[in-house]
Amino acid sequence: MKNIMADQTKKFSGKMYLLRPPTLRILAQMLNPTKILLSDDGHLRDWRGLAELIGIDMLAIQNFESQSDPFKALFHHSLKNLAVLEVITIFEKMDRYDIIDDTQALFESDLSLQNECPNLSLKSFENETPVTIDDSEHIKESGSLLQYDAFILYAREDQEFVNEVIDKMEGEYGLKLCLKDRDLIAGLPFEHQAVTELITNRCRFVVPIFSPNFLNSEENKFFVNFTEALGIEKGCRKVVPCVYQSCSLPKSVSYYSRLDYTKRSQYWDFWSKMNKSLEKPASSLHTEQISKTDLKVKSDVAIREKKDPTSSFSSKEVESAAELFNNAPNEETKSKNWLKRIIKKPKKKIQKEKALAC
């Protein structure tokens, strides 16, 4: 549907923050994937185009781009205060009629529910209350809570080894770890709830540091079981076991491949293996680099157009960064051309020698 009827304007006059979490998650799933092709008017067709059209500056967009859920960061930064009708109009400019078709009924249902129950508290995504010491600052900078590479579960008696893990993973490899004793803010009324929320939505992995002392803690065993169930439910790798001291592992964990500090060897680096087990996949980093380059190219062209409106070099004619990379000559092509030149040279010399002989 390309136009919203005038009599429907009132239905969609409510603000975006009134939409229910399932509706917002659908929007995130449809807008977060990078779109290469531009709209007819030259707008990006993913969350970046939405950010540009509501007036977000380039620096903020680059900050959102580093988040695991850019749409969510954009939502909490400024999108939540826009009227739903405004956002639908922007989707039209982006040629994203698929989003309008899939969500218009949900928009109407969510807003009508709020009109019927004005005192109903609707939370966007999960609870955005800060629970770690860095959350408040991160919300100011990017509009979302801080995301972590791993949550570390350990016994207090093993603090010395945990300190070494922190020094290596954060200091040398640049990962971001979350530790309950170090990172949770004081005064949380339900500490267990805060930890389960972090494990579920904000930490890519959980690393239990197994030792005899660790197994004496019922709390640690609960969080390990919770994370295993979560990984099965989501169908992903969630638990990364680390054996610090020899102990009898729980049966469920004994089937996992693990990091074993007790079996260190000169033939492999324990810390490098831990880093590779926790780091982001190379494909996601490559996509992130391409999307940042693509955004910078489009920004530079837009600035050039403002300076020289008569220029024939327009943003519509610019290929995406991915297309530029794909169309560039690769090393194999270069080597073939080089070999052809080498092969051709002797033939030319032979022809000259024959001509002189005649």
Protein backbone atom coordinates (compact mmCIF):
# COMPACT_ATOMS: atom_id res chain seq x y z
CA MET A 1 0.00 0.00 0.00
CA LYS A 2 1.70 3.19 -1.21
CA ASN A 3 -0.46 5.80 0.47
CA ILE A 4 -2.15 5.96 3.83
CA MET A 5 -5.76 7.08 3.51
CA ALA A 6 -6.63 10.43 5.09
CA ASP A 7 -9.23 8.83 7.36
CA GLN A 8 -6.50 6.51 8.75
CA THR A 9 -4.32 9.41 9.90
CA LYS A 10 -5.89 9.43 13.34
CA LYS A 11 -5.22 5.70 13.79
CA PHE A 12 -1.49 6.21 13.40
CA SER A 13 -1.05 9.48 15.27
CA GLY A 14 0.32 7.69 18.37
CA LYS A 15 4.03 7.71 19.21
CA MET A 16 6.43 4.89 18.38
CA TYR A 17 7.11 4.20 22.08
CA LEU A 18 3.52 2.93 22.37
CA LEU A 19 4.26 -0.06 20.13
CA ARG A 20 4.59 -3.43 21.84
CA PRO A 21 7.92 -5.32 21.99
CA PRO A 22 6.95 -7.99 19.39
CA THR A 23 6.15 -5.27 16.84
CA LEU A 24 9.45 -3.51 17.51
CA ARG A 25 11.36 -6.76 17.14
CA ILE A 26 9.76 -7.33 13.72
CA LEU A 27 10.86 -3.83 12.66
CA ALA A 28 14.39 -4.59 13.89
CA GLN A 29 14.50 -7.88 11.94
CA MET A 30 13.42 -6.10 8.74
CA LEU A 31 15.62 -3.01 9.07
CA ASN A 32 18.88 -4.27 10.60
CA PRO A 33 20.09 -6.36 7.60
CA THR A 34 22.20 -4.24 5.22
CA LYS A 35 20.51 -3.39 1.91
CA ILE A 36 22.83 -2.71 -1.03
CA LEU A 37 20.35 -1.26 -3.53
CA LEU A 38 19.11 2.30 -2.97
CA SER A 39 15.54 3.58 -3.32
CA ASP A 40 14.44 5.46 -6.45
CA ASP A 41 15.29 8.71 -4.64
CA GLY A 42 18.74 7.49 -3.61
CA HIS A 43 17.96 6.64 0.03
CA LEU A 44 19.45 3.66 1.85
CA ARG A 45 16.76 1.06 2.43
CA ASP A 46 17.78 -0.25 5.85
CA TRP A 47 17.96 1.37 9.31
CA ARG A 48 20.60 3.82 8.03
CA GLY A 49 18.13 5.32 5.56
CA LEU A 50 15.60 5.70 8.37
CA ALA A 51 18.25 7.43 10.50
CA GLU A 52 19.20 9.83 7.69
CA LEU A 53 15.60 10.75 6.91
CA ILE A 54 14.80 11.64 10.51
CA GLY A 55 17.87 13.89 10.63
CA ILE A 56 20.45 11.86 12.60
CA ASP A 57 24.01 13.12 12.07
CA MET A 58 26.71 10.92 10.57
CA LEU A 59 28.69 10.53 13.82
CA ALA A 60 25.63 9.17 15.66
CA ILE A 61 24.91 6.77 12.78
CA GLN A 62 28.46 5.42 12.99
CA ASN A 63 27.99 4.90 16.74
CA PHE A 64 24.74 3.00 16.13
CA GLU A 65 26.53 0.89 13.52
CA SER A 66 28.84 -0.56 16.16
CA GLN A 67 25.85 -1.89 18.12
CA SER A 68 24.56 -5.45 17.79
CA ASP A 69 21.05 -4.05 17.20
CA PRO A 70 21.36 -0.68 15.37
CA PHE A 71 17.59 -0.24 15.02
CA LYS A 72 17.16 -0.59 18.76
CA ALA A 73 19.86 2.03 19.40
CA LEU A 74 18.18 4.37 16.91
CA PHE A 75 14.80 3.74 18.53
CA HIS A 76 15.96 4.75 21.99
CA HIS A 77 17.94 7.71 20.66
CA SER A 78 15.12 9.52 18.86
CA LEU A 79 12.78 7.26 16.88
CA LYS A 80 10.60 6.45 19.90
CA ASN A 81 9.32 10.05 20.05
CA LEU A 82 8.11 10.17 16.42
CA ALA A 83 4.50 9.56 15.42
CA VAL A 84 3.88 6.19 13.80
CA LEU A 85 2.43 7.98 10.75
CA GLU A 86 5.70 9.91 10.28
CA VAL A 87 7.65 6.65 10.28
CA ILE A 88 5.26 5.03 7.77
CA THR A 89 5.77 8.04 5.47
CA ILE A 90 9.55 7.57 5.76
CA PHE A 91 9.18 3.89 4.86
CA GLU A 92 7.42 5.02 1.66
CA LYS A 93 10.36 7.29 0.79
CA MET A 94 12.69 4.33 1.35
CA ASP A 95 10.59 2.11 -0.96
CA ARG A 96 10.02 -0.25 1.98
CA TYR A 97 6.38 -1.04 1.27
CA ASP A 98 7.06 -4.58 2.45
CA ILE A 99 7.50 -3.22 6.00
CA ILE A 100 4.25 -1.23 5.74
CA ASP A 101 2.34 -4.27 4.51
CA ASP A 102 3.72 -6.52 7.27
CA THR A 103 3.34 -4.11 10.19
CA GLN A 104 0.40 -1.77 9.47
CA ALA A 105 -2.12 -4.08 11.16
CA LEU A 106 0.24 -4.48 14.14
CA PHE A 107 0.63 -0.69 14.42
CA GLU A 108 -3.14 -0.27 14.45
CA SER A 109 -3.62 -3.03 17.03
CA ASP A 110 -0.92 -1.70 19.38
CA LEU A 111 -2.17 1.88 19.25
CA SER A 112 -5.82 0.92 19.70
CA LEU A 113 -4.86 -1.17 22.73
CA GLN A 114 -3.15 1.85 24.24
CA ASN A 115 -6.23 4.02 23.57
CA GLU A 116 -8.48 1.48 25.28
CA CYS A 117 -6.12 1.09 28.27
CA PRO A 118 -4.30 4.43 28.66
CA ASN A 119 -2.80 3.39 32.02
CA LEU A 120 -1.25 0.26 30.53
CA SER A 121 2.54 0.39 30.73
CA LEU A 122 4.07 -0.84 27.48
CA LYS A 123 7.82 -1.51 27.61
CA SER A 124 9.89 -1.22 24.46
CA PHE A 125 12.14 -4.23 23.84
CA GLU A 126 13.43 -5.45 27.19
CA ASN A 127 13.71 -3.32 30.29
CA GLU A 128 16.19 -0.50 29.56
CA THR A 129 17.02 0.18 33.22
CA PRO A 130 20.82 0.34 33.66
CA VAL A 131 22.18 -2.60 35.66
CA THR A 132 25.94 -2.25 35.05
CA ILE A 133 28.22 0.65 35.91
CA ASP A 134 28.86 1.54 32.24
CA ASP A 135 25.21 1.48 31.10
CA SER A 136 24.27 5.09 31.85
CA GLU A 137 27.23 6.51 29.93
CA HIS A 138 26.63 4.14 27.03
CA ILE A 139 22.96 5.16 26.80
CA LYS A 140 24.02 8.82 26.57
CA GLU A 141 26.50 8.04 23.79
CA SER A 142 24.55 5.55 21.66
CA GLY A 143 21.00 5.33 23.00
CA SER A 144 21.26 1.70 24.15
CA LEU A 145 22.62 -0.49 26.93
CA LEU A 146 26.17 -1.83 26.65
CA GLN A 147 26.61 -5.24 24.99
CA TYR A 148 29.26 -7.70 26.24
CA ASP A 149 31.27 -10.46 24.58
CA ALA A 150 31.03 -12.79 27.58
CA PHE A 151 29.75 -13.10 31.13
CA ILE A 152 32.32 -14.69 33.47
CA LEU A 153 31.07 -17.07 36.19
CA TYR A 154 33.63 -17.96 38.84
CA ALA A 155 34.27 -18.73 42.50
CA ARG A 156 35.71 -15.90 44.59
CA GLU A 157 38.54 -18.19 45.62
CA ASP A 158 39.68 -18.22 41.96
CA GLN A 159 39.89 -14.42 41.68
CA GLU A 160 43.61 -14.46 40.86
CA PHE A 161 43.05 -16.54 37.71
CA VAL A 162 40.01 -14.41 36.77
CA ASN A 163 42.20 -11.31 37.00
CA GLU A 164 44.56 -12.92 34.51
CA VAL A 165 41.61 -13.68 32.19
CA ILE A 166 40.56 -10.01 32.37
CA ASP A 167 44.11 -8.77 31.66
CA LYS A 168 44.45 -11.04 28.62
CA MET A 169 40.97 -10.81 27.08
CA GLU A 170 40.28 -7.11 27.73
CA GLY A 171 43.82 -5.76 27.88
CA GLU A 172 45.43 -7.64 24.98
CA TYR A 173 42.53 -8.76 22.79
CA GLY A 174 40.05 -5.92 23.33
CA LEU A 175 37.04 -8.03 24.33
CA LYS A 176 34.40 -6.68 26.72
CA LEU A 177 33.69 -8.97 29.68
CA CYS A 178 30.96 -8.73 32.30
CA LEU A 179 31.61 -9.80 35.90
CA LYS A 180 28.93 -9.66 38.57
CA ASP A 181 31.20 -8.37 41.35
CA ARG A 182 32.90 -5.77 39.16
CA ASP A 183 30.20 -4.52 36.80
CA LEU A 184 26.79 -4.70 38.48
CA ILE A 185 25.69 -1.46 40.12
CA ALA A 186 24.98 -1.60 43.86
CA GLY A 187 21.46 -1.62 45.22
CA LEU A 188 19.73 -3.81 42.61
CA PRO A 189 16.67 -5.35 44.33
CA PHE A 190 16.77 -8.61 42.31
CA GLU A 191 20.38 -9.52 41.51
CA HIS A 192 19.50 -12.91 40.00
CA GLN A 193 17.05 -11.27 37.61
CA ALA A 194 19.69 -8.76 36.51
CA VAL A 195 22.21 -11.55 35.83
CA THR A 196 19.74 -13.67 33.85
CA GLU A 197 18.80 -10.56 31.81
CA LEU A 198 22.48 -9.92 31.03
CA ILE A 199 23.07 -13.55 30.05
CA THR A 200 19.93 -13.71 27.89
CA ASN A 201 20.08 -10.44 25.98
CA ARG A 202 23.40 -8.68 26.45
CA CYS A 203 26.21 -11.28 26.60
CA ARG A 204 27.09 -13.38 23.55
CA PHE A 205 28.68 -16.12 25.68
CA VAL A 206 28.93 -17.31 29.27
CA VAL A 207 32.31 -18.59 30.48
CA PRO A 208 32.12 -20.70 33.66
CA ILE A 209 35.56 -21.04 35.31
CA PHE A 210 35.37 -24.62 36.61
CA SER A 211 37.20 -25.62 39.76
CA PRO A 212 36.32 -27.49 42.97
CA ASN A 213 35.37 -24.16 44.54
CA PHE A 214 33.11 -23.29 41.60
CA LEU A 215 31.15 -26.53 41.99
CA ASN A 216 30.51 -25.74 45.66
CA SER A 217 28.36 -22.80 44.63
CA GLU A 218 24.68 -23.57 43.96
CA GLU A 219 24.32 -20.13 42.40
CA ASN A 220 27.01 -20.83 39.80
CA LYS A 221 25.50 -24.20 38.94
CA PHE A 222 22.08 -22.57 38.50
CA PHE A 223 23.44 -20.01 36.02
CA VAL A 224 25.29 -22.73 34.05
CA ASN A 225 22.08 -24.78 33.75
CA PHE A 226 20.11 -21.66 32.81
CA THR A 227 22.60 -20.78 30.06
CA GLU A 228 22.60 -24.35 28.68
CA ALA A 229 18.80 -24.29 28.43
CA LEU A 230 18.97 -20.87 26.77
CA GLY A 231 21.47 -22.12 24.18
CA ILE A 232 19.24 -25.11 23.35
CA GLU A 233 16.20 -22.85 23.05
CA LYS A 234 17.99 -20.40 20.72
CA GLY A 235 19.88 -23.12 18.86
CA CYS A 236 23.27 -21.45 19.31
CA ARG A 237 26.60 -21.86 21.10
CA LYS A 238 26.21 -20.09 24.44
CA VAL A 239 28.37 -21.87 27.08
CA VAL A 240 32.18 -21.80 26.69
CA PRO A 241 33.49 -23.96 29.56
CA CYS A 242 36.91 -23.18 31.00
CA VAL A 243 38.61 -25.66 33.35
CA TYR A 244 40.95 -23.84 35.73
CA GLN A 245 41.57 -26.68 38.20
CA SER A 246 40.88 -30.40 37.81
CA CYS A 247 37.39 -31.29 38.98
CA SER A 248 34.45 -33.52 38.14
CA LEU A 249 32.45 -31.57 35.56
CA PRO A 250 28.64 -31.76 35.45
CA LYS A 251 27.50 -34.42 32.96
CA SER A 252 25.87 -31.93 30.63
CA VAL A 253 29.03 -29.81 30.42
CA SER A 254 31.36 -32.79 30.03
CA TYR A 255 30.14 -33.22 26.43
CA TYR A 256 31.24 -29.71 25.42
CA SER A 257 34.61 -28.96 23.89
CA ARG A 258 36.33 -26.76 26.43
CA LEU A 259 39.24 -24.52 27.33
CA ASP A 260 41.45 -26.53 29.71
CA TYR A 261 44.03 -24.50 31.62
CA THR A 262 45.35 -27.69 33.24
CA LYS A 263 46.48 -29.02 29.82
CA ARG A 264 48.47 -26.08 28.55
CA SER A 265 51.13 -26.96 25.99
CA GLN A 266 54.03 -25.30 24.19
CA TYR A 267 52.37 -26.26 20.91
CA TRP A 268 49.28 -24.08 21.34
CA ASP A 269 48.43 -20.81 23.08
CA PHE A 270 45.66 -21.11 25.69
CA TRP A 271 44.87 -17.39 25.65
CA SER A 272 44.71 -17.19 21.87
CA LYS A 273 42.29 -20.11 21.85
CA MET A 274 40.09 -18.39 24.44
CA ASN A 275 40.08 -15.21 22.37
CA LYS A 276 39.13 -17.06 19.17
CA SER A 277 36.37 -18.87 21.06
CA LEU A 278 34.84 -15.56 22.19
CA GLU A 279 35.57 -13.12 19.35
CA LYS A 280 32.96 -12.02 16.82
CA PRO A 281 32.84 -14.04 13.57
CA ALA A 282 35.06 -12.61 10.83
CA SER A 283 32.07 -12.41 8.46
CA SER A 284 30.20 -10.00 10.76
CA LEU A 285 33.29 -7.82 11.13
CA HIS A 286 33.74 -7.78 7.33
CA THR A 287 30.10 -6.78 6.84
CA GLU A 288 30.52 -4.05 9.45
CA GLN A 289 33.58 -2.66 7.62
CA ILE A 290 31.77 -2.69 4.26
CA SER A 291 28.68 -0.97 5.65
CA LYS A 292 30.81 1.73 7.28
CA THR A 293 32.67 2.31 4.01
CA ASP A 294 29.39 2.36 2.10
CA LEU A 295 28.00 4.98 4.47
CA LYS A 296 31.14 7.13 4.19
CA VAL A 297 31.06 7.01 0.36
CA LYS A 298 27.43 8.10 0.31
CA SER A 299 28.15 10.88 2.83
CA ASP A 300 31.11 12.21 0.82
CA VAL A 301 29.03 12.27 -2.36
CA ALA A 302 26.19 14.10 -0.60
CA ILE A 303 28.64 16.78 0.61
CA ARG A 304 30.08 17.11 -2.92
CA GLU A 305 26.58 17.54 -4.36
CA LYS A 306 25.85 20.36 -1.90
CA LYS A 307 29.06 22.15 -2.86
CA ASP A 308 28.54 21.63 -6.62
CA PRO A 309 24.87 20.94 -7.54
CA THR A 310 25.80 20.89 -11.25
CA SER A 311 28.19 18.00 -10.83
CA SER A 312 27.32 14.93 -12.87
CA PHE A 313 28.66 12.70 -10.09
CA SER A 314 25.51 11.99 -8.09
CA SER A 315 24.78 9.64 -5.20
CA LYS A 316 22.41 7.64 -7.44
CA GLU A 317 25.32 6.74 -9.68
CA VAL A 318 27.61 5.61 -6.86
CA GLU A 319 27.97 1.89 -6.37
CA SER A 320 27.89 0.51 -2.84
CA ALA A 321 31.18 -0.32 -1.18
CA ALA A 322 30.43 -4.02 -1.56
CA GLU A 323 29.88 -3.62 -5.30
CA LEU A 324 33.09 -1.61 -5.65
CA PHE A 325 35.03 -4.33 -3.83
CA ASN A 326 33.44 -7.09 -5.90
CA ASN A 327 34.09 -5.30 -9.22
CA ALA A 328 37.72 -4.48 -8.42
CA PRO A 329 40.33 -6.62 -10.22
CA ASN A 330 41.51 -9.43 -7.99
CA GLU A 331 45.03 -10.73 -7.56
CA GLU A 332 44.40 -13.70 -9.85
CA THR A 333 43.38 -11.40 -12.74
CA LYS A 334 46.44 -9.21 -12.17
CA SER A 335 48.78 -12.20 -12.24
CA LYS A 336 47.21 -13.52 -15.47
CA ASN A 337 47.63 -10.15 -17.18
CA TRP A 338 51.25 -10.00 -16.03
CA LEU A 339 51.92 -13.47 -17.44
CA LYS A 340 50.35 -12.51 -20.78
CA ARG A 341 52.68 -9.53 -21.05
CA ILE A 342 55.70 -11.72 -20.33
CA ILE A 343 54.62 -14.29 -22.91
CA LYS A 344 53.86 -11.69 -25.60
CA LYS A 345 57.23 -9.93 -25.39
CA PRO A 346 59.34 -12.78 -26.84
CA LYS A 347 56.93 -13.08 -29.82
CA LYS A 348 57.42 -9.42 -30.68
CA LYS A 349 61.19 -9.81 -30.52
CA ILE A 350 61.06 -12.83 -32.83
CA GLN A 351 58.99 -10.90 -35.40
CA LYS A 352 61.49 -8.00 -35.35
CA GLU A 353 64.41 -10.38 -35.85
CA LYS A 354 62.65 -12.02 -38.85
CA ALA A 355 61.99 -8.60 -40.41
CA LEU A 356 65.66 -7.58 -40.04
CA ALA A 357 66.80 -10.88 -41.53
CA CYS A 358 64.70 -10.24 -44.63
